[in-house]
Amino acid sequence: MNRKKLKERLIKGMIYLILALALVITFLPVGWVFSTSVKTGAEIFARPPKWIPHTPTLANYKDVLFGSSIPNAFKNSFLVGIMTSFAALLLGGSAGYAFARFKFRGNRALSLFMLVSQMLPLTVLMIPMYYMENAVGIVDTKTGLAAAHLVISLPLVTWMAKGYFKGIPKEIEEAAIVDGCSTMQVLTRILLPLLKPALAATGIYAFISSWNEFALANVLTRSPQSITVPIALNEFSSFFKVDWGDTMAAAMLITLPIAGAFMLVQKQFVEGLASGAVKG
């Protein structure tokens, strides 16, 4: 018994050691970014480099908040992310329900095709997408960028939604229909409440994908009214110089709100991913 307990403690200790190592690897770059963001220019380029600055300063944050386009880009990114998430949940959820519950010719082939489309590199989509959006006059607009981001997130959102709906036994829907519910009532009153965590996870995925996307935003946006935070970060660098203090301060301001929001909904995110892995 003592040998068994010792073995369990060793295994638990190894798990904690691996987790601690993973935390260090994850947070080490974040710590360096924060350290750089509160350093003066001289301390940033000091040799040897130091983690803790002698004279911490918030001047870099002041420059970013009051002397750059980051606040406006932050608003643009938030609006584009919300539009992308809403459209992805509405269209992808509807398509996922159809793939999971209705039998029609080409069901499997279409669902697989949507997933395979995720393998296309963005460079293949950029030029056609630019010409299409330019033809309808939505280049350099938040709506146009949200539509482009929807192309990226919609296939996987549809596939995830399909798995979520398949995870709910069909007998629940049949019982509701016997009780007099229509298909729409079954969807809104029974299935959607059951899938709240799953839909939250899917919406978070679509939002974060939109928030971090750079390539399409770099092609489809130009003006301050539409650029997002990944594009706005470029203003701190030029061909000959990079303002590392302002760049790192902007990176912290961009990262922390999203990380905080994710921490608030992490329970729903984990539950949503788990529910998609279980089939009834």
C-alpha atoms as a PDB file:
ATOM      1  CA  MET A   1       0.000   0.000   0.000  1.00  0.00           C
ATOM      2  CA  ASN A   2       2.811   2.383   0.882  1.00  0.00           C
ATOM      3  CA  ARG A   3       4.518   1.593  -2.406  1.00  0.00           C
ATOM      4  CA  LYS A   4       1.262   2.305  -4.252  1.00  0.00           C
ATOM      5  CA  LYS A   5       0.836   5.652  -2.477  1.00  0.00           C
ATOM      6  CA  LEU A   6       4.448   6.537  -3.242  1.00  0.00           C
ATOM      7  CA  LYS A   7       3.883   5.751  -6.916  1.00  0.00           C
ATOM      8  CA  GLU A   8       0.737   7.907  -6.989  1.00  0.00           C
ATOM      9  CA  ARG A   9       2.603  10.794  -5.353  1.00  0.00           C
ATOM     10  CA  LEU A  10       5.460  10.500  -7.850  1.00  0.00           C
ATOM     11  CA  ILE A  11       3.012  10.527 -10.767  1.00  0.00           C
ATOM     12  CA  LYS A  12       1.162  13.511  -9.292  1.00  0.00           C
ATOM     13  CA  GLY A  13       4.458  15.296  -8.691  1.00  0.00           C
ATOM     14  CA  MET A  14       5.519  14.714 -12.309  1.00  0.00           C
ATOM     15  CA  ILE A  15       2.180  16.080 -13.537  1.00  0.00           C
ATOM     16  CA  TYR A  16       2.565  19.219 -11.419  1.00  0.00           C
ATOM     17  CA  LEU A  17       6.157  19.616 -12.626  1.00  0.00           C
ATOM     18  CA  ILE A  18       5.094  19.383 -16.274  1.00  0.00           C
ATOM     19  CA  LEU A  19       2.249  21.860 -15.655  1.00  0.00           C
ATOM     20  CA  ALA A  20       4.623  24.274 -13.933  1.00  0.00           C
ATOM     21  CA  LEU A  21       7.065  24.003 -16.841  1.00  0.00           C
ATOM     22  CA  ALA A  22       4.237  24.633 -19.312  1.00  0.00           C
ATOM     23  CA  LEU A  23       3.174  27.725 -17.336  1.00  0.00           C
ATOM     24  CA  VAL A  24       6.718  29.087 -17.342  1.00  0.00           C
ATOM     25  CA  ILE A  25       7.061  28.529 -21.098  1.00  0.00           C
ATOM     26  CA  THR A  26       3.661  30.173 -21.682  1.00  0.00           C
ATOM     27  CA  PHE A  27       4.088  33.219 -19.454  1.00  0.00           C
ATOM     28  CA  LEU A  28       7.793  33.898 -20.002  1.00  0.00           C
ATOM     29  CA  PRO A  29       7.211  35.794 -23.284  1.00  0.00           C
ATOM     30  CA  VAL A  30       4.275  37.671 -21.739  1.00  0.00           C
ATOM     31  CA  GLY A  31       6.451  38.685 -18.809  1.00  0.00           C
ATOM     32  CA  TRP A  32       9.161  39.942 -21.138  1.00  0.00           C
ATOM     33  CA  VAL A  33       6.616  41.928 -23.172  1.00  0.00           C
ATOM     34  CA  PHE A  34       5.310  43.596 -20.003  1.00  0.00           C
ATOM     35  CA  SER A  35       8.832  44.270 -18.737  1.00  0.00           C
ATOM     36  CA  THR A  36       9.792  45.917 -22.030  1.00  0.00           C
ATOM     37  CA  SER A  37       6.591  47.976 -22.068  1.00  0.00           C
ATOM     38  CA  VAL A  38       7.550  49.780 -18.825  1.00  0.00           C
ATOM     39  CA  LYS A  39      11.202  50.393 -19.711  1.00  0.00           C
ATOM     40  CA  THR A  40      12.822  53.526 -21.047  1.00  0.00           C
ATOM     41  CA  GLY A  41      14.537  53.432 -24.426  1.00  0.00           C
ATOM     42  CA  ALA A  42      17.976  53.154 -22.837  1.00  0.00           C
ATOM     43  CA  GLU A  43      16.979  50.192 -20.644  1.00  0.00           C
ATOM     44  CA  ILE A  44      15.341  48.348 -23.559  1.00  0.00           C
ATOM     45  CA  PHE A  45      18.686  48.177 -25.378  1.00  0.00           C
ATOM     46  CA  ALA A  46      20.839  47.746 -22.263  1.00  0.00           C
ATOM     47  CA  ARG A  47      23.419  44.954 -22.228  1.00  0.00           C
ATOM     48  CA  PRO A  48      23.015  42.606 -20.500  1.00  0.00           C
ATOM     49  CA  PRO A  49      19.207  42.802 -20.640  1.00  0.00           C
ATOM     50  CA  LYS A  50      17.358  43.068 -17.338  1.00  0.00           C
ATOM     51  CA  TRP A  51      13.917  41.797 -16.414  1.00  0.00           C
ATOM     52  CA  ILE A  52      13.155  44.469 -13.810  1.00  0.00           C
ATOM     53  CA  PRO A  53      13.710  48.060 -14.970  1.00  0.00           C
ATOM     54  CA  HIS A  54      15.472  50.493 -12.636  1.00  0.00           C
ATOM     55  CA  THR A  55      13.101  53.333 -13.543  1.00  0.00           C
ATOM     56  CA  PRO A  56       9.706  51.923 -14.610  1.00  0.00           C
ATOM     57  CA  THR A  57       7.682  54.279 -16.766  1.00  0.00           C
ATOM     58  CA  LEU A  58       4.161  54.428 -18.168  1.00  0.00           C
ATOM     59  CA  ALA A  59       5.194  56.788 -20.964  1.00  0.00           C
ATOM     60  CA  ASN A  60       4.894  54.029 -23.548  1.00  0.00           C
ATOM     61  CA  TYR A  61       1.287  53.346 -22.515  1.00  0.00           C
ATOM     62  CA  LYS A  62       0.541  57.068 -22.640  1.00  0.00           C
ATOM     63  CA  ASP A  63       1.917  57.260 -26.181  1.00  0.00           C
ATOM     64  CA  VAL A  64      -0.189  54.286 -27.278  1.00  0.00           C
ATOM     65  CA  LEU A  65      -3.430  55.446 -25.653  1.00  0.00           C
ATOM     66  CA  PHE A  66      -3.250  59.134 -26.552  1.00  0.00           C
ATOM     67  CA  GLY A  67      -0.889  59.376 -29.504  1.00  0.00           C
ATOM     68  CA  SER A  68      -1.709  56.437 -31.764  1.00  0.00           C
ATOM     69  CA  SER A  69      -4.585  54.784 -33.618  1.00  0.00           C
ATOM     70  CA  ILE A  70      -4.690  51.772 -31.252  1.00  0.00           C
ATOM     71  CA  PRO A  71      -7.837  52.908 -29.319  1.00  0.00           C
ATOM     72  CA  ASN A  72      -9.780  53.377 -32.564  1.00  0.00           C
ATOM     73  CA  ALA A  73      -8.416  50.118 -33.980  1.00  0.00           C
ATOM     74  CA  PHE A  74      -9.431  48.391 -30.740  1.00  0.00           C
ATOM     75  CA  LYS A  75     -13.025  49.533 -31.306  1.00  0.00           C
ATOM     76  CA  ASN A  76     -12.893  48.408 -34.937  1.00  0.00           C
ATOM     77  CA  SER A  77     -11.566  44.972 -33.980  1.00  0.00           C
ATOM     78  CA  PHE A  78     -14.276  44.554 -31.367  1.00  0.00           C
ATOM     79  CA  LEU A  79     -17.072  45.474 -33.788  1.00  0.00           C
ATOM     80  CA  VAL A  80     -15.677  43.268 -36.562  1.00  0.00           C
ATOM     81  CA  GLY A  81     -15.274  40.367 -34.110  1.00  0.00           C
ATOM     82  CA  ILE A  82     -18.843  40.725 -32.841  1.00  0.00           C
ATOM     83  CA  MET A  83     -20.243  40.826 -36.384  1.00  0.00           C
ATOM     84  CA  THR A  84     -18.170  37.815 -37.394  1.00  0.00           C
ATOM     85  CA  SER A  85     -19.199  35.808 -34.315  1.00  0.00           C
ATOM     86  CA  PHE A  86     -22.903  36.613 -34.699  1.00  0.00           C
ATOM     87  CA  ALA A  87     -22.963  35.766 -38.409  1.00  0.00           C
ATOM     88  CA  ALA A  88     -20.899  32.594 -37.879  1.00  0.00           C
ATOM     89  CA  LEU A  89     -23.220  31.354 -35.121  1.00  0.00           C
ATOM     90  CA  LEU A  90     -26.355  32.181 -37.109  1.00  0.00           C
ATOM     91  CA  LEU A  91     -25.248  30.687 -40.432  1.00  0.00           C
ATOM     92  CA  GLY A  92     -22.938  27.975 -39.127  1.00  0.00           C
ATOM     93  CA  GLY A  93     -25.389  26.885 -36.441  1.00  0.00           C
ATOM     94  CA  SER A  94     -28.217  26.621 -38.967  1.00  0.00           C
ATOM     95  CA  ALA A  95     -26.061  24.695 -41.431  1.00  0.00           C
ATOM     96  CA  GLY A  96     -24.744  22.428 -38.670  1.00  0.00           C
ATOM     97  CA  TYR A  97     -28.291  21.605 -37.582  1.00  0.00           C
ATOM     98  CA  ALA A  98     -29.247  20.783 -41.177  1.00  0.00           C
ATOM     99  CA  PHE A  99     -26.213  18.531 -41.646  1.00  0.00           C
ATOM    100  CA  ALA A 100     -26.868  16.769 -38.318  1.00  0.00           C
ATOM    101  CA  ARG A 101     -30.624  16.236 -38.575  1.00  0.00           C
ATOM    102  CA  PHE A 102     -31.723  16.221 -42.230  1.00  0.00           C
ATOM    103  CA  LYS A 103     -30.872  13.464 -44.690  1.00  0.00           C
ATOM    104  CA  PHE A 104     -30.302  14.683 -48.245  1.00  0.00           C
ATOM    105  CA  ARG A 105     -28.109  13.790 -51.184  1.00  0.00           C
ATOM    106  CA  GLY A 106     -24.605  15.135 -50.775  1.00  0.00           C
ATOM    107  CA  ASN A 107     -24.877  15.702 -47.011  1.00  0.00           C
ATOM    108  CA  ARG A 108     -21.585  14.023 -46.146  1.00  0.00           C
ATOM    109  CA  ALA A 109     -19.766  15.326 -49.218  1.00  0.00           C
ATOM    110  CA  LEU A 110     -20.805  18.937 -48.549  1.00  0.00           C
ATOM    111  CA  SER A 111     -19.879  18.811 -44.873  1.00  0.00           C
ATOM    112  CA  LEU A 112     -16.463  17.346 -45.705  1.00  0.00           C
ATOM    113  CA  PHE A 113     -15.966  19.933 -48.455  1.00  0.00           C
ATOM    114  CA  MET A 114     -16.561  22.736 -45.947  1.00  0.00           C
ATOM    115  CA  LEU A 115     -13.897  21.305 -43.670  1.00  0.00           C
ATOM    116  CA  VAL A 116     -11.437  20.768 -46.530  1.00  0.00           C
ATOM    117  CA  SER A 117     -11.896  24.420 -47.528  1.00  0.00           C
ATOM    118  CA  GLN A 118     -10.105  25.323 -44.294  1.00  0.00           C
ATOM    119  CA  MET A 119      -6.933  23.915 -45.829  1.00  0.00           C
ATOM    120  CA  LEU A 120      -6.801  26.598 -48.525  1.00  0.00           C
ATOM    121  CA  PRO A 121      -4.070  29.163 -47.773  1.00  0.00           C
ATOM    122  CA  LEU A 122      -5.252  32.738 -47.299  1.00  0.00           C
ATOM    123  CA  THR A 123      -3.002  33.888 -50.128  1.00  0.00           C
ATOM    124  CA  VAL A 124      -5.274  31.991 -52.533  1.00  0.00           C
ATOM    125  CA  LEU A 125      -8.354  33.822 -51.228  1.00  0.00           C
ATOM    126  CA  MET A 126      -6.986  37.352 -50.937  1.00  0.00           C
ATOM    127  CA  ILE A 127      -7.152  38.536 -54.547  1.00  0.00           C
ATOM    128  CA  PRO A 128     -10.578  37.018 -55.396  1.00  0.00           C
ATOM    129  CA  MET A 129     -12.006  38.318 -52.138  1.00  0.00           C
ATOM    130  CA  TYR A 130     -10.630  41.809 -52.804  1.00  0.00           C
ATOM    131  CA  TYR A 131     -12.151  41.919 -56.303  1.00  0.00           C
ATOM    132  CA  MET A 132     -15.533  40.673 -55.075  1.00  0.00           C
ATOM    133  CA  GLU A 133     -15.705  43.159 -52.214  1.00  0.00           C
ATOM    134  CA  ASN A 134     -14.465  45.978 -54.413  1.00  0.00           C
ATOM    135  CA  ALA A 135     -17.232  45.197 -56.915  1.00  0.00           C
ATOM    136  CA  VAL A 136     -19.916  45.722 -54.257  1.00  0.00           C
ATOM    137  CA  GLY A 137     -18.155  48.672 -52.611  1.00  0.00           C
ATOM    138  CA  ILE A 138     -17.315  47.219 -49.198  1.00  0.00           C
ATOM    139  CA  VAL A 139     -13.501  47.340 -49.368  1.00  0.00           C
ATOM    140  CA  ASP A 140     -12.032  49.337 -46.481  1.00  0.00           C
ATOM    141  CA  THR A 141     -15.153  48.904 -44.355  1.00  0.00           C
ATOM    142  CA  LYS A 142     -15.771  47.001 -41.141  1.00  0.00           C
ATOM    143  CA  THR A 143     -18.628  45.118 -42.802  1.00  0.00           C
ATOM    144  CA  GLY A 144     -16.383  43.966 -45.631  1.00  0.00           C
ATOM    145  CA  LEU A 145     -13.694  42.791 -43.231  1.00  0.00           C
ATOM    146  CA  ALA A 146     -16.268  40.929 -41.118  1.00  0.00           C
ATOM    147  CA  ALA A 147     -17.505  39.184 -44.277  1.00  0.00           C
ATOM    148  CA  ALA A 148     -13.932  38.155 -45.100  1.00  0.00           C
ATOM    149  CA  HIS A 149     -13.354  36.845 -41.592  1.00  0.00           C
ATOM    150  CA  LEU A 150     -16.621  34.937 -41.836  1.00  0.00           C
ATOM    151  CA  VAL A 151     -15.154  32.999 -44.765  1.00  0.00           C
ATOM    152  CA  ILE A 152     -12.336  31.861 -42.469  1.00  0.00           C
ATOM    153  CA  SER A 153     -14.406  30.867 -39.444  1.00  0.00           C
ATOM    154  CA  LEU A 154     -17.679  29.630 -40.975  1.00  0.00           C
ATOM    155  CA  PRO A 155     -16.506  26.168 -42.162  1.00  0.00           C
ATOM    156  CA  LEU A 156     -15.127  25.119 -38.774  1.00  0.00           C
ATOM    157  CA  VAL A 157     -18.055  26.707 -36.903  1.00  0.00           C
ATOM    158  CA  THR A 158     -20.446  24.677 -39.083  1.00  0.00           C
ATOM    159  CA  TRP A 159     -18.488  21.497 -38.449  1.00  0.00           C
ATOM    160  CA  MET A 160     -18.423  22.111 -34.701  1.00  0.00           C
ATOM    161  CA  ALA A 161     -22.157  22.881 -34.631  1.00  0.00           C
ATOM    162  CA  LYS A 162     -22.854  19.671 -36.516  1.00  0.00           C
ATOM    163  CA  GLY A 163     -21.017  17.699 -33.828  1.00  0.00           C
ATOM    164  CA  TYR A 164     -22.880  19.504 -31.042  1.00  0.00           C
ATOM    165  CA  PHE A 165     -26.316  18.780 -32.537  1.00  0.00           C
ATOM    166  CA  LYS A 166     -25.373  15.165 -33.173  1.00  0.00           C
ATOM    167  CA  GLY A 167     -24.425  14.860 -29.524  1.00  0.00           C
ATOM    168  CA  ILE A 168     -28.044  15.464 -28.467  1.00  0.00           C
ATOM    169  CA  PRO A 169     -30.268  12.358 -28.731  1.00  0.00           C
ATOM    170  CA  LYS A 170     -32.865  12.727 -31.455  1.00  0.00           C
ATOM    171  CA  GLU A 171     -35.475  11.232 -29.113  1.00  0.00           C
ATOM    172  CA  ILE A 172     -35.578  14.538 -27.218  1.00  0.00           C
ATOM    173  CA  GLU A 173     -36.720  16.347 -30.349  1.00  0.00           C
ATOM    174  CA  GLU A 174     -39.200  13.620 -31.236  1.00  0.00           C
ATOM    175  CA  ALA A 175     -40.750  13.817 -27.766  1.00  0.00           C
ATOM    176  CA  ALA A 176     -41.098  17.591 -28.077  1.00  0.00           C
ATOM    177  CA  ILE A 177     -42.755  17.243 -31.503  1.00  0.00           C
ATOM    178  CA  VAL A 178     -45.204  14.698 -30.081  1.00  0.00           C
ATOM    179  CA  ASP A 179     -46.063  17.283 -27.402  1.00  0.00           C
ATOM    180  CA  GLY A 180     -46.961  19.761 -30.138  1.00  0.00           C
ATOM    181  CA  CYS A 181     -43.740  21.756 -30.679  1.00  0.00           C
ATOM    182  CA  SER A 182     -42.812  22.905 -34.155  1.00  0.00           C
ATOM    183  CA  THR A 183     -39.270  22.496 -35.533  1.00  0.00           C
ATOM    184  CA  MET A 184     -38.469  26.124 -34.692  1.00  0.00           C
ATOM    185  CA  GLN A 185     -39.823  25.729 -31.138  1.00  0.00           C
ATOM    186  CA  VAL A 186     -37.745  22.575 -30.659  1.00  0.00           C
ATOM    187  CA  LEU A 187     -34.679  24.484 -31.805  1.00  0.00           C
ATOM    188  CA  THR A 188     -35.244  27.639 -29.730  1.00  0.00           C
ATOM    189  CA  ARG A 189     -36.775  26.161 -26.559  1.00  0.00           C
ATOM    190  CA  ILE A 190     -34.931  22.858 -26.215  1.00  0.00           C
ATOM    191  CA  LEU A 191     -31.785  22.540 -28.315  1.00  0.00           C
ATOM    192  CA  LEU A 192     -30.345  26.034 -27.972  1.00  0.00           C
ATOM    193  CA  PRO A 193     -30.633  26.111 -24.138  1.00  0.00           C
ATOM    194  CA  LEU A 194     -28.896  22.721 -24.018  1.00  0.00           C
ATOM    195  CA  LEU A 195     -26.135  23.978 -26.307  1.00  0.00           C
ATOM    196  CA  LYS A 196     -25.378  27.297 -24.604  1.00  0.00           C
ATOM    197  CA  PRO A 197     -21.848  26.260 -23.507  1.00  0.00           C
ATOM    198  CA  ALA A 198     -21.131  24.792 -26.936  1.00  0.00           C
ATOM    199  CA  LEU A 199     -22.345  27.909 -28.725  1.00  0.00           C
ATOM    200  CA  ALA A 200     -20.286  30.065 -26.358  1.00  0.00           C
ATOM    201  CA  ALA A 201     -17.168  28.069 -27.248  1.00  0.00           C
ATOM    202  CA  THR A 202     -17.923  28.386 -30.950  1.00  0.00           C
ATOM    203  CA  GLY A 203     -18.559  32.122 -30.692  1.00  0.00           C
ATOM    204  CA  ILE A 204     -15.308  32.634 -28.774  1.00  0.00           C
ATOM    205  CA  TYR A 205     -13.413  30.751 -31.468  1.00  0.00           C
ATOM    206  CA  ALA A 206     -14.909  32.938 -34.218  1.00  0.00           C
ATOM    207  CA  PHE A 207     -14.215  36.143 -32.250  1.00  0.00           C
ATOM    208  CA  ILE A 208     -10.585  35.306 -31.461  1.00  0.00           C
ATOM    209  CA  SER A 209      -9.965  34.223 -35.058  1.00  0.00           C
ATOM    210  CA  SER A 210     -11.243  37.601 -36.234  1.00  0.00           C
ATOM    211  CA  TRP A 211      -9.354  39.550 -33.550  1.00  0.00           C
ATOM    212  CA  ASN A 212      -5.970  38.007 -34.419  1.00  0.00           C
ATOM    213  CA  GLU A 213      -6.332  37.934 -38.214  1.00  0.00           C
ATOM    214  CA  PHE A 214      -3.744  40.020 -40.055  1.00  0.00           C
ATOM    215  CA  ALA A 215      -3.388  38.993 -43.704  1.00  0.00           C
ATOM    216  CA  LEU A 216      -6.897  39.777 -44.968  1.00  0.00           C
ATOM    217  CA  ALA A 217      -7.132  42.903 -42.811  1.00  0.00           C
ATOM    218  CA  ASN A 218      -3.884  44.131 -44.345  1.00  0.00           C
ATOM    219  CA  VAL A 219      -5.338  43.753 -47.860  1.00  0.00           C
ATOM    220  CA  LEU A 220      -8.927  44.894 -47.269  1.00  0.00           C
ATOM    221  CA  THR A 221      -8.454  47.875 -44.919  1.00  0.00           C
ATOM    222  CA  ARG A 222      -6.523  51.123 -45.263  1.00  0.00           C
ATOM    223  CA  SER A 223      -8.202  53.973 -43.373  1.00  0.00           C
ATOM    224  CA  PRO A 224      -8.336  54.572 -39.595  1.00  0.00           C
ATOM    225  CA  GLN A 225     -12.102  53.953 -39.751  1.00  0.00           C
ATOM    226  CA  SER A 226     -11.592  50.270 -40.570  1.00  0.00           C
ATOM    227  CA  ILE A 227      -8.095  49.070 -39.573  1.00  0.00           C
ATOM    228  CA  THR A 228      -7.875  46.517 -36.768  1.00  0.00           C
ATOM    229  CA  VAL A 229      -5.331  46.156 -33.978  1.00  0.00           C
ATOM    230  CA  PRO A 230      -2.911  43.796 -35.797  1.00  0.00           C
ATOM    231  CA  ILE A 231      -2.623  46.399 -38.563  1.00  0.00           C
ATOM    232  CA  ALA A 232      -2.375  49.352 -36.148  1.00  0.00           C
ATOM    233  CA  LEU A 233       0.692  47.747 -34.535  1.00  0.00           C
ATOM    234  CA  ASN A 234       2.602  48.487 -37.730  1.00  0.00           C
ATOM    235  CA  GLU A 235       2.625  52.214 -37.054  1.00  0.00           C
ATOM    236  CA  PHE A 236       5.269  51.730 -34.349  1.00  0.00           C
ATOM    237  CA  SER A 237       7.794  50.374 -36.848  1.00  0.00           C
ATOM    238  CA  SER A 238       9.382  51.815 -39.954  1.00  0.00           C
ATOM    239  CA  PHE A 239      11.997  50.646 -42.419  1.00  0.00           C
ATOM    240  CA  PHE A 240      14.855  51.884 -40.246  1.00  0.00           C
ATOM    241  CA  LYS A 241      13.454  51.846 -36.711  1.00  0.00           C
ATOM    242  CA  VAL A 242      11.140  49.941 -34.375  1.00  0.00           C
ATOM    243  CA  ASP A 243       9.775  51.619 -31.253  1.00  0.00           C
ATOM    244  CA  TRP A 244       9.895  48.547 -29.035  1.00  0.00           C
ATOM    245  CA  GLY A 245       8.539  50.302 -25.950  1.00  0.00           C
ATOM    246  CA  ASP A 246       5.354  51.471 -27.660  1.00  0.00           C
ATOM    247  CA  THR A 247       5.027  48.181 -29.560  1.00  0.00           C
ATOM    248  CA  MET A 248       5.142  46.129 -26.371  1.00  0.00           C
ATOM    249  CA  ALA A 249       2.780  48.495 -24.553  1.00  0.00           C
ATOM    250  CA  ALA A 250       0.302  48.182 -27.429  1.00  0.00           C
ATOM    251  CA  ALA A 251       0.697  44.394 -27.390  1.00  0.00           C
ATOM    252  CA  MET A 252      -0.169  44.295 -23.682  1.00  0.00           C
ATOM    253  CA  LEU A 253      -3.203  46.537 -24.160  1.00  0.00           C
ATOM    254  CA  ILE A 254      -4.417  44.346 -27.022  1.00  0.00           C
ATOM    255  CA  THR A 255      -3.830  41.034 -25.257  1.00  0.00           C
ATOM    256  CA  LEU A 256      -5.035  41.625 -21.700  1.00  0.00           C
ATOM    257  CA  PRO A 257      -8.730  42.426 -22.394  1.00  0.00           C
ATOM    258  CA  ILE A 258      -9.126  39.341 -24.573  1.00  0.00           C
ATOM    259  CA  ALA A 259      -7.306  37.156 -22.050  1.00  0.00           C
ATOM    260  CA  GLY A 260      -9.495  38.550 -19.261  1.00  0.00           C
ATOM    261  CA  ALA A 261     -12.686  37.965 -21.236  1.00  0.00           C
ATOM    262  CA  PHE A 262     -11.577  34.413 -21.993  1.00  0.00           C
ATOM    263  CA  MET A 263     -10.914  33.754 -18.311  1.00  0.00           C
ATOM    264  CA  LEU A 264     -14.461  34.870 -17.496  1.00  0.00           C
ATOM    265  CA  VAL A 265     -16.026  32.411 -19.940  1.00  0.00           C
ATOM    266  CA  GLN A 266     -13.473  29.605 -19.757  1.00  0.00           C
ATOM    267  CA  LYS A 267     -15.965  27.327 -17.974  1.00  0.00           C
ATOM    268  CA  GLN A 268     -18.457  27.641 -20.829  1.00  0.00           C
ATOM    269  CA  PHE A 269     -15.631  27.209 -23.347  1.00  0.00           C
ATOM    270  CA  VAL A 270     -14.416  23.945 -21.802  1.00  0.00           C
ATOM    271  CA  GLU A 271     -17.972  22.630 -21.380  1.00  0.00           C
ATOM    272  CA  GLY A 272     -18.704  23.487 -25.001  1.00  0.00           C
ATOM    273  CA  LEU A 273     -15.658  21.645 -26.301  1.00  0.00           C
ATOM    274  CA  ALA A 274     -16.485  18.647 -24.105  1.00  0.00           C
ATOM    275  CA  SER A 275     -20.105  18.530 -25.276  1.00  0.00           C
ATOM    276  CA  GLY A 276     -18.947  18.392 -28.872  1.00  0.00           C
ATOM    277  CA  ALA A 277     -16.880  15.302 -28.086  1.00  0.00           C
ATOM    278  CA  VAL A 278     -19.844  13.259 -26.799  1.00  0.00           C
ATOM    279  CA  LYS A 279     -22.371  11.658 -29.103  1.00  0.00           C
ATOM    280  CA  GLY A 280     -25.744  10.406 -27.919  1.00  0.00           C
END
